[in-house]
């Protein structure tokens, strides 16, 4: 039985959310045998937050996901102890960050 984790996005425009959904669809189960599924609603295991956005969605304000991935420009200073996915997102980069997230969630 393979592991399954869920992902959602916060503070992202429709275009960026569509990109993340598409990339998750492309990589499927290629991340260490783990199935990653996108959900529009909480709760999820992982939240991807666009740190370039002016404000974070209020729906996750009090929610504590198991992991946070910051989605930022490469020159952005990131929140400590988070994972980073740099813009523009690419399947290879998403696989790498999800592999790191999976290692932390499984540990």
Protein backbone atom coordinates (compact mmCIF):
# COMPACT_ATOMS: atom_id res chain seq x y z
CA UNK A 1 0.00 0.00 0.00
CA UNK A 2 1.52 3.31 -1.03
CA UNK A 3 1.42 6.49 1.00
CA UNK A 4 -0.94 9.26 -0.02
CA UNK A 5 -0.59 12.95 0.84
CA UNK A 6 -2.75 15.92 -0.04
CA UNK A 7 -1.74 19.41 -1.18
CA UNK A 8 -3.55 22.73 -1.48
CA UNK A 9 -2.49 26.26 -2.43
CA UNK A 10 -2.99 29.54 -0.60
CA UNK A 11 -2.59 33.15 -1.70
CA UNK A 12 -2.16 32.07 -5.31
CA UNK A 13 -3.89 33.23 -8.44
CA UNK A 14 -5.93 30.88 -10.60
CA UNK A 15 -3.09 30.59 -13.10
CA UNK A 16 -0.56 29.47 -10.47
CA UNK A 17 -3.03 27.01 -8.92
CA UNK A 18 -3.72 25.54 -12.37
CA UNK A 19 0.05 25.16 -12.90
CA UNK A 20 0.50 23.31 -9.58
CA UNK A 21 -2.49 21.05 -10.32
CA UNK A 22 -1.10 20.29 -13.76
CA UNK A 23 2.37 19.52 -12.40
CA UNK A 24 0.91 17.21 -9.74
CA UNK A 25 -1.02 15.45 -12.51
CA UNK A 26 2.15 15.02 -14.55
CA UNK A 27 4.33 13.66 -11.76
CA UNK A 28 1.58 11.40 -10.36
CA UNK A 29 3.28 8.74 -8.25
CA UNK A 30 6.84 9.51 -9.33
CA UNK A 31 7.86 10.88 -5.94
CA UNK A 32 9.35 7.91 -4.09
CA UNK A 33 6.19 5.83 -4.65
CA UNK A 34 4.01 8.36 -2.82
CA UNK A 35 0.71 9.51 -4.30
CA UNK A 36 0.23 13.29 -4.15
CA UNK A 37 -3.29 14.60 -4.62
CA UNK A 38 -4.46 18.21 -4.99
CA UNK A 39 -7.46 19.36 -2.95
CA UNK A 40 -9.21 22.69 -3.09
CA UNK A 41 -10.39 22.43 0.52
CA UNK A 42 -8.69 21.91 3.87
CA UNK A 43 -7.61 19.81 5.61
CA UNK A 44 -4.52 18.83 3.64
CA UNK A 45 -1.09 17.58 4.62
CA UNK A 46 0.78 20.29 2.73
CA UNK A 47 0.00 23.92 1.90
CA UNK A 48 1.87 25.79 -0.85
CA UNK A 49 1.88 29.52 -0.03
CA UNK A 50 2.79 32.23 -2.53
CA UNK A 51 5.03 34.50 -0.45
CA UNK A 52 4.90 37.18 -3.14
CA UNK A 53 1.15 37.64 -2.51
CA UNK A 54 0.06 40.59 -0.42
CA UNK A 55 -1.93 38.48 2.02
CA UNK A 56 -2.43 34.86 2.90
CA UNK A 57 -5.93 33.42 2.57
CA UNK A 58 -7.92 33.66 5.78
CA UNK A 59 -9.07 30.04 5.41
CA UNK A 60 -5.63 28.80 6.49
CA UNK A 61 -4.92 31.45 9.11
CA UNK A 62 -5.42 29.09 12.07
CA UNK A 63 -4.68 25.86 10.20
CA UNK A 64 -1.44 24.04 10.92
CA UNK A 65 -0.48 21.78 8.01
CA UNK A 66 2.11 19.06 8.44
CA UNK A 67 4.38 20.94 6.00
CA UNK A 68 4.49 24.29 4.21
CA UNK A 69 6.07 24.92 0.84
CA UNK A 70 6.79 28.54 0.04
CA UNK A 71 6.30 29.49 -3.60
CA UNK A 72 8.55 32.46 -4.20
CA UNK A 73 10.86 34.30 -6.51
CA UNK A 74 14.40 32.87 -6.23
CA UNK A 75 15.73 36.00 -4.52
CA UNK A 76 13.06 36.00 -1.80
CA UNK A 77 14.06 35.51 1.84
CA UNK A 78 12.11 32.50 3.03
CA UNK A 79 10.54 31.53 6.32
CA UNK A 80 12.91 29.24 8.26
CA UNK A 81 12.06 25.54 8.44
CA UNK A 82 9.91 25.52 5.30
CA UNK A 83 10.41 24.01 1.89
CA UNK A 84 10.88 26.18 -1.18
CA UNK A 85 9.52 25.89 -4.71
CA UNK A 86 10.92 28.66 -6.87
CA UNK A 87 9.03 30.40 -9.65
CA UNK A 88 8.29 29.39 -12.29
CA UNK A 89 7.37 25.92 -11.05
CA UNK A 90 8.72 22.95 -13.00
CA UNK A 91 7.89 19.26 -12.61
CA UNK A 92 11.48 18.33 -11.70
CA UNK A 93 11.61 20.99 -8.97
CA UNK A 94 8.22 19.94 -7.60
CA UNK A 95 9.38 16.30 -7.45
CA UNK A 96 12.48 17.36 -5.49
CA UNK A 97 10.56 19.43 -2.95
CA UNK A 98 7.85 16.78 -2.51
CA UNK A 99 10.55 14.16 -1.92
CA UNK A 100 11.94 16.33 0.89
CA UNK A 101 8.45 16.91 2.31
CA UNK A 102 7.69 13.18 2.20
CA UNK A 103 10.90 12.42 4.10
CA UNK A 104 9.85 14.81 6.88
CA UNK A 105 6.25 13.58 6.99
CA UNK A 106 7.34 9.94 7.16
CA UNK A 107 9.96 10.67 9.83
